[in-house]
Protein backbone atom coordinates (compact mmCIF):
# COMPACT_ATOMS: atom_id res chain seq x y z
CA MET A 1 72.13 1.00 49.88
CA SER A 2 70.46 -1.36 47.40
CA GLN A 3 71.84 -4.33 49.37
CA VAL A 4 70.18 -3.00 52.51
CA ALA A 5 66.93 -2.52 50.62
CA ASP A 6 67.09 -6.07 49.30
CA ARG A 7 67.68 -7.37 52.82
CA ILE A 8 64.77 -5.56 54.45
CA GLY A 9 62.51 -6.13 51.45
CA LEU A 10 59.61 -3.99 50.31
CA ASN A 11 57.14 -5.82 52.53
CA ALA A 12 59.22 -4.92 55.58
CA LEU A 13 59.38 -1.22 54.85
CA PRO A 14 56.54 -0.21 57.19
CA GLN A 15 58.47 -1.73 60.13
CA ALA A 16 60.73 0.28 62.40
CA LEU A 17 63.97 1.60 60.89
CA ALA A 18 67.16 -0.41 61.29
CA GLU A 19 70.38 1.46 61.95
CA ASP A 20 71.80 0.74 58.52
CA ALA A 21 68.51 1.21 56.65
CA PRO A 22 68.29 3.86 53.91
CA ARG A 23 67.28 7.27 55.18
CA ILE A 24 63.95 8.10 53.57
CA ALA A 25 62.76 11.67 53.99
CA VAL A 26 59.34 13.09 53.14
CA VAL A 27 58.83 16.69 52.04
CA VAL A 28 55.33 18.12 52.51
CA PRO A 29 54.76 21.57 50.94
CA CYS A 30 52.05 23.43 52.84
CA HIS A 31 49.79 26.20 51.60
CA ARG A 32 46.19 26.34 52.77
CA VAL A 33 46.24 22.72 54.02
CA ARG A 34 45.75 23.27 57.77
CA GLN A 35 42.63 21.08 57.70
CA HIS A 36 44.52 18.03 56.38
CA ILE A 37 48.17 18.38 57.40
CA LEU A 38 48.05 16.45 60.70
CA GLU A 39 46.27 13.54 59.01
CA VAL A 40 48.92 13.53 56.29
CA ILE A 41 51.71 13.36 58.87
CA ASP A 42 49.96 10.56 60.78
CA ASP A 43 49.66 8.61 57.51
CA VAL A 44 53.42 8.63 56.83
CA PRO A 45 54.83 5.09 57.40
CA ALA A 46 57.22 4.37 60.27
CA VAL A 47 60.01 3.56 57.80
CA VAL A 48 60.38 7.27 57.04
CA TRP A 49 63.40 8.77 58.78
CA ARG A 50 62.36 12.43 58.73
CA ILE A 51 59.39 14.57 57.64
CA TYR A 52 59.97 18.13 56.44
CA VAL A 53 56.85 20.28 56.59
CA VAL A 54 57.49 23.37 54.45
CA ASP A 55 55.22 26.28 55.31
CA ASP A 56 55.16 28.24 52.05
CA ALA A 57 54.04 31.53 53.62
CA CYS A 58 50.73 29.80 54.33
CA PRO A 59 47.98 32.28 55.30
CA GLU A 60 46.55 29.61 57.62
CA GLN A 61 49.93 29.30 59.40
CA SER A 62 50.04 25.56 58.80
CA GLY A 63 53.65 25.37 59.99
CA ARG A 64 52.91 26.96 63.37
CA TYR A 65 49.90 24.70 63.70
CA VAL A 66 52.07 21.63 63.15
CA GLU A 67 54.63 22.85 65.69
CA GLN A 68 51.89 23.28 68.29
CA GLU A 69 49.83 20.16 67.65
CA CYS A 70 52.15 17.50 66.18
CA ARG A 71 54.14 15.24 68.52
CA ASP A 72 55.88 13.16 65.84
CA PRO A 73 59.65 13.44 66.57
CA ARG A 74 60.46 12.97 62.89
CA VAL A 75 58.83 16.26 61.93
CA GLN A 76 60.82 19.40 61.20
CA VAL A 77 59.03 22.57 60.09
CA LEU A 78 60.64 24.90 57.55
CA PHE A 79 59.29 28.37 56.81
CA ASN A 80 59.48 30.30 53.55
CA GLU A 81 59.34 34.03 54.20
CA VAL A 82 57.50 34.58 50.91
CA ASN A 83 55.31 32.26 48.90
CA LEU A 84 57.51 30.40 46.40
CA GLY A 85 54.88 28.08 44.99
CA VAL A 86 54.79 24.31 45.30
CA GLY A 87 58.04 23.94 43.36
CA GLY A 88 59.89 26.45 45.50
CA ALA A 89 58.63 24.81 48.70
CA VAL A 90 59.69 21.36 47.50
CA MET A 91 63.14 22.66 46.47
CA ALA A 92 63.62 24.07 49.98
CA GLY A 93 62.67 20.68 51.43
CA TYR A 94 64.97 18.83 49.00
CA GLN A 95 67.95 20.99 49.91
CA ARG A 96 67.40 20.54 53.64
CA ALA A 97 66.85 16.77 53.36
CA VAL A 98 70.00 16.26 51.29
CA ALA A 99 72.04 18.46 53.63
CA ASP A 100 70.82 16.40 56.59
CA GLY A 101 71.93 13.15 54.95
CA ALA A 102 68.78 11.67 53.39
CA ASP A 103 69.22 8.91 50.81
CA VAL A 104 65.78 9.13 49.17
CA VAL A 105 63.42 12.10 49.27
CA VAL A 106 59.66 11.65 48.78
CA LYS A 107 57.32 14.51 47.97
CA MET A 108 53.80 14.28 49.38
CA ASP A 109 51.17 16.99 49.12
CA GLY A 110 49.55 18.29 52.27
CA ASP A 111 45.97 17.93 51.00
CA GLY A 112 45.59 14.24 51.85
CA GLN A 113 45.33 12.94 48.27
CA MET A 114 48.44 10.76 48.59
CA ALA A 115 48.22 7.55 50.61
CA GLY A 116 51.15 6.82 52.89
CA ALA A 117 50.59 3.10 52.28
CA ALA A 118 51.80 3.60 48.68
CA LEU A 119 55.18 4.99 49.77
CA PRO A 120 56.98 1.60 49.91
CA GLN A 121 56.03 0.89 46.31
CA LEU A 122 57.15 4.39 45.32
CA VAL A 123 60.64 4.16 46.83
CA GLY A 124 61.13 0.48 46.01
CA PRO A 125 62.57 0.91 42.48
CA ILE A 126 65.06 3.50 43.76
CA LEU A 127 66.22 1.30 46.66
CA ARG A 128 66.66 -1.62 44.27
CA GLY A 129 68.74 0.52 41.91
CA ASP A 130 66.15 0.33 39.11
CA ALA A 131 65.30 4.05 39.05
CA ASP A 132 66.62 7.48 39.97
CA TYR A 133 63.16 9.08 40.19
CA THR A 134 59.72 7.55 40.57
CA LYS A 135 56.28 9.06 40.25
CA GLY A 136 52.73 7.91 40.79
CA ASN A 137 50.48 7.01 37.88
CA ARG A 138 46.72 6.88 38.48
CA PHE A 139 45.93 5.67 34.96
CA TYR A 140 47.06 2.03 35.16
CA ASP A 141 43.75 0.74 36.51
CA LEU A 142 40.80 1.40 34.20
CA ALA A 143 38.40 1.11 37.12
CA GLN A 144 40.25 3.93 38.88
CA ILE A 145 40.11 6.11 35.77
CA GLY A 146 36.32 5.85 35.83
CA ARG A 147 36.28 7.63 39.20
CA MET A 148 37.96 10.74 37.78
CA PRO A 149 36.04 13.71 36.35
CA ARG A 150 36.02 13.59 32.55
CA LEU A 151 37.57 17.04 32.23
CA ARG A 152 40.45 15.94 34.46
CA ILE A 153 40.97 12.80 32.34
CA PHE A 154 41.05 14.84 29.14
CA GLY A 155 43.33 17.48 30.64
CA ASN A 156 45.75 14.88 32.00
CA ALA A 157 45.85 13.11 28.64
CA MET A 158 46.73 16.34 26.84
CA LEU A 159 49.33 17.34 29.42
CA SER A 160 50.81 13.83 29.39
CA PHE A 161 51.27 13.91 25.62
CA MET A 162 52.94 17.33 25.76
CA THR A 163 55.16 16.11 28.61
CA LYS A 164 56.30 13.08 26.62
CA ILE A 165 57.50 15.38 23.84
CA SER A 166 59.13 18.03 26.02
CA SER A 167 60.73 15.73 28.60
CA GLY A 168 61.77 12.83 26.35
CA TYR A 169 60.23 10.28 28.75
CA TRP A 170 57.87 8.66 26.28
CA ASP A 171 57.01 5.82 28.67
CA VAL A 172 55.59 7.92 31.56
CA PHE A 173 52.07 9.24 32.06
CA ASP A 174 50.08 11.36 34.52
CA PRO A 175 52.67 14.19 34.74
CA THR A 176 50.64 16.28 37.21
CA ASN A 177 50.79 13.50 39.80
CA GLY A 178 52.89 15.05 42.57
CA TYR A 179 53.57 11.85 44.51
CA THR A 180 57.25 11.42 43.66
CA ALA A 181 60.52 10.08 45.04
CA ILE A 182 64.08 10.90 44.05
CA HIS A 183 67.54 9.71 45.03
CA ALA A 184 69.49 12.33 46.97
CA LYS A 185 72.52 12.02 44.67
CA VAL A 186 70.33 12.96 41.71
CA VAL A 187 68.97 15.99 43.58
CA ALA A 188 72.56 17.23 43.85
CA LYS A 189 72.93 17.04 40.04
CA LEU A 190 69.85 19.16 39.28
CA PRO A 191 69.90 22.96 38.84
CA LEU A 192 67.30 23.51 41.57
CA HIS A 193 67.30 27.29 41.08
CA LYS A 194 66.16 26.86 37.46
CA ILE A 195 63.25 24.47 38.06
CA SER A 196 59.79 26.00 37.75
CA ARG A 197 58.37 27.02 41.14
CA ARG A 198 54.67 26.92 40.35
CA TYR A 199 52.32 24.26 38.97
CA PHE A 200 54.72 23.39 36.12
CA PHE A 201 57.14 22.04 38.74
CA GLU A 202 56.54 18.29 38.28
CA THR A 203 56.73 18.57 34.48
CA ASP A 204 59.84 20.75 34.53
CA MET A 205 61.47 18.22 36.86
CA LEU A 206 61.10 15.56 34.18
CA PHE A 207 62.76 17.82 31.61
CA ARG A 208 65.69 18.49 33.98
CA LEU A 209 65.99 14.80 34.81
CA ASN A 210 66.24 13.91 31.13
CA ILE A 211 69.04 16.43 30.66
CA VAL A 212 71.12 14.58 33.31
CA ARG A 213 69.94 11.23 31.83
CA ALA A 214 68.21 9.96 34.97
CA VAL A 215 65.96 6.89 34.85
CA VAL A 216 62.30 7.68 35.62
CA VAL A 217 59.78 4.94 36.49
CA ASP A 218 55.99 5.16 36.79
CA VAL A 219 54.48 3.45 39.85
CA PRO A 220 50.79 2.41 39.65
CA MET A 221 48.62 3.79 42.41
CA ASP A 222 44.97 4.44 43.11
CA ALA A 223 43.33 7.81 42.62
CA ARG A 224 42.40 9.23 46.00
CA TYR A 225 39.91 12.07 46.38
CA GLY A 226 38.25 13.42 49.49
CA ALA A 227 37.03 16.73 50.84
CA GLU A 228 40.17 18.56 49.66
CA THR A 229 40.00 21.16 46.92
CA SER A 230 42.66 21.53 44.24
CA ASN A 231 44.00 24.94 43.31
CA LEU A 232 45.03 23.63 39.89
CA ARG A 233 42.65 24.51 37.06
CA ILE A 234 43.70 22.93 33.80
CA SER A 235 41.64 25.43 31.78
CA LYS A 236 43.72 28.26 33.27
CA ILE A 237 47.19 26.76 32.87
CA LEU A 238 46.82 24.92 29.55
CA PHE A 239 48.21 27.70 27.33
CA ASP A 240 50.93 28.62 29.82
CA PHE A 241 51.93 24.96 29.96
CA LEU A 242 51.89 24.77 26.15
CA PHE A 243 54.41 27.61 25.88
CA LYS A 244 56.68 26.08 28.52
CA HIS A 245 56.46 22.66 26.86
CA LEU A 246 57.53 24.16 23.52
CA ARG A 247 60.43 25.92 25.22
CA ASN A 248 61.60 22.75 26.97
CA THR A 249 61.21 20.69 23.79
CA PHE A 250 63.54 22.96 21.82
CA LYS A 251 66.02 23.10 24.70
CA ARG A 252 66.03 19.32 25.20
CA VAL A 253 66.48 18.56 21.52
CA PHE A 254 69.27 21.12 21.20
CA TYR A 255 71.09 19.90 24.31
CA ASN A 256 70.80 16.18 23.57
CA TYR A 257 71.13 16.08 19.78
CA PHE A 258 73.30 19.05 18.82
CA LEU A 259 75.26 20.28 21.85
CA ARG A 260 76.01 17.09 23.83
CA ASP A 261 76.02 14.65 20.91
CA LEU A 262 75.63 14.51 17.14
CA SER A 263 74.06 11.38 15.68
CA LEU A 264 72.08 10.15 12.69
CA ALA A 265 68.95 11.35 14.48
CA SER A 266 70.39 14.88 14.55
CA ILE A 267 70.87 14.80 10.77
CA GLU A 268 67.39 13.37 10.25
CA LEU A 269 65.82 16.16 12.28
CA ALA A 270 67.83 18.95 10.63
CA PHE A 271 67.20 17.80 7.06
CA GLY A 272 63.64 16.76 7.80
CA ALA A 273 62.78 20.20 9.13
CA LEU A 274 64.55 21.82 6.18
CA PHE A 275 62.72 19.72 3.57
CA MET A 276 59.36 20.37 5.23
CA LEU A 277 60.00 24.10 5.40
CA VAL A 278 61.18 24.40 1.78
CA GLY A 279 58.40 22.14 0.48
CA THR A 280 55.73 24.07 2.35
CA ALA A 281 57.16 27.41 1.15
CA LEU A 282 57.25 26.20 -2.46
CA GLY A 283 53.71 24.88 -2.25
CA ALA A 284 52.50 28.20 -0.86
CA LYS A 285 54.31 30.08 -3.65
CA PHE A 286 52.84 27.90 -6.39
CA TRP A 287 49.36 28.29 -4.90
CA PHE A 288 49.72 32.06 -4.61
CA ASP A 289 50.99 32.35 -8.20
CA SER A 290 48.02 30.32 -9.39
CA TYR A 291 45.67 32.56 -7.42
CA LEU A 292 47.11 35.69 -9.01
CA THR A 293 47.36 34.43 -12.58
CA GLY A 294 44.42 32.04 -12.68
CA VAL A 295 46.72 29.40 -14.19
CA THR A 296 46.82 26.04 -12.43
CA ALA A 297 50.26 24.99 -11.26
CA SER A 298 51.84 22.21 -13.28
CA ALA A 299 51.93 18.65 -12.03
CA GLY A 300 55.70 18.87 -11.85
CA SER A 301 55.54 21.92 -9.57
CA VAL A 302 53.02 20.23 -7.28
CA MET A 303 55.13 17.08 -7.10
CA LEU A 304 58.29 19.09 -6.37
CA ALA A 305 56.68 20.69 -3.35
CA ALA A 306 54.85 17.55 -2.19
CA LEU A 307 57.91 15.33 -2.51
CA GLN A 308 59.97 17.56 -0.25
CA VAL A 309 57.23 17.64 2.38
CA ILE A 310 56.85 13.84 2.26
CA VAL A 311 60.60 13.25 2.56
CA GLY A 312 60.76 15.76 5.41
CA ILE A 313 57.96 14.01 7.30
CA GLN A 314 59.68 10.65 6.88
CA LEU A 315 62.96 12.03 8.23
CA VAL A 316 61.22 13.62 11.23
CA LEU A 317 59.41 10.35 11.94
CA GLY A 318 62.78 8.61 11.87
CA PHE A 319 64.06 11.10 14.42
CA LEU A 320 61.02 10.51 16.65
CA ALA A 321 61.57 6.74 16.51
CA TYR A 322 65.17 7.26 17.62
CA ASP A 323 64.11 9.67 20.37
CA ILE A 324 61.51 7.24 21.73
CA ALA A 325 64.10 4.47 21.81
CA SER A 326 66.57 6.74 23.63
CA VAL A 327 64.67 6.99 26.93
CA PRO A 328 67.34 6.64 29.69
CA LYS A 329 67.67 3.03 30.83
CA ARG A 330 70.83 3.01 32.97
CA THR A 331 70.34 4.41 36.45
CA LEU A 332 72.44 7.44 37.27
CA HIS A 333 72.79 7.43 41.07
CA PRO A 334 74.99 4.28 41.36
CA LEU A 335 77.55 6.05 39.15
CA LEU A 336 77.70 9.19 41.28
CA PRO A 337 80.12 9.52 44.22
CA SER A 338 78.70 9.75 47.72
CA ASP A 339 79.47 12.57 50.12
CA GLU A 340 81.70 10.26 52.16
CA GLU A 341 83.99 9.54 49.22
């Protein structure tokens, strides 16, 4: 497929599909987007092979509206009987697209925030074999950042830092950006039933991708805001996200450094955590004894506790350096067999 992509070139992507061109599918989850959905479909480039509109039990009946008003032959409407959240809707679209034979699956929201013109740049690294999963990043251009509300900038920065730790992708940013593309072979390797179905979906995807060692690439794109309203409120989901990030961090570290492999970094983390715990406990004990007796702890006691904490911090920093350098670099999908094999 990469040879075909090289032949047609990224600049040729908006042209009509050739018979041997990669099959690019677009999944559009729909919930309260009736006002924008037809514009979103019209904005999808001609290179796209199929568009899956997933009506996630939309109270506005966006799916029925598309069936009645849309004449694009590429469009297929899927209906969820109950609301599964954005993640559940996207998973339904992924499964259908892969079953139908798609090569690359793009996720676009139905609120009009994602420009169809950016799709060629999004799928390009996957078609060239440079990535298994790509995502938009609105923070490359400083001029674009200035257009964002300050609260959104701060919230994205905090969520991005937590995502780096929990997912292991230290070189990606803007985790809540839902404009993504994934190779169909990689979709088949993911436990779709375990991925978060609500607003944590994009972040949980990164965690799952790291577990299978997929290569993730950020693609610069402009921030695009219009009359749409977002249902995501960072102030409401921050603590829920924090808990889920902590959970994924412990799971990722355990899977990658103790279950799947054992390396020097594993030893650094284990002994570093142990030294920090013992040093902190000793320091607390010496302080409490001094509080009860009124006698200042000896210099030797203070140094004993402090030295263990310092050594523990150094070992943990060594582990972090190893973890940052271990971001997946070799693409996964060329190594996976195709359905025809």
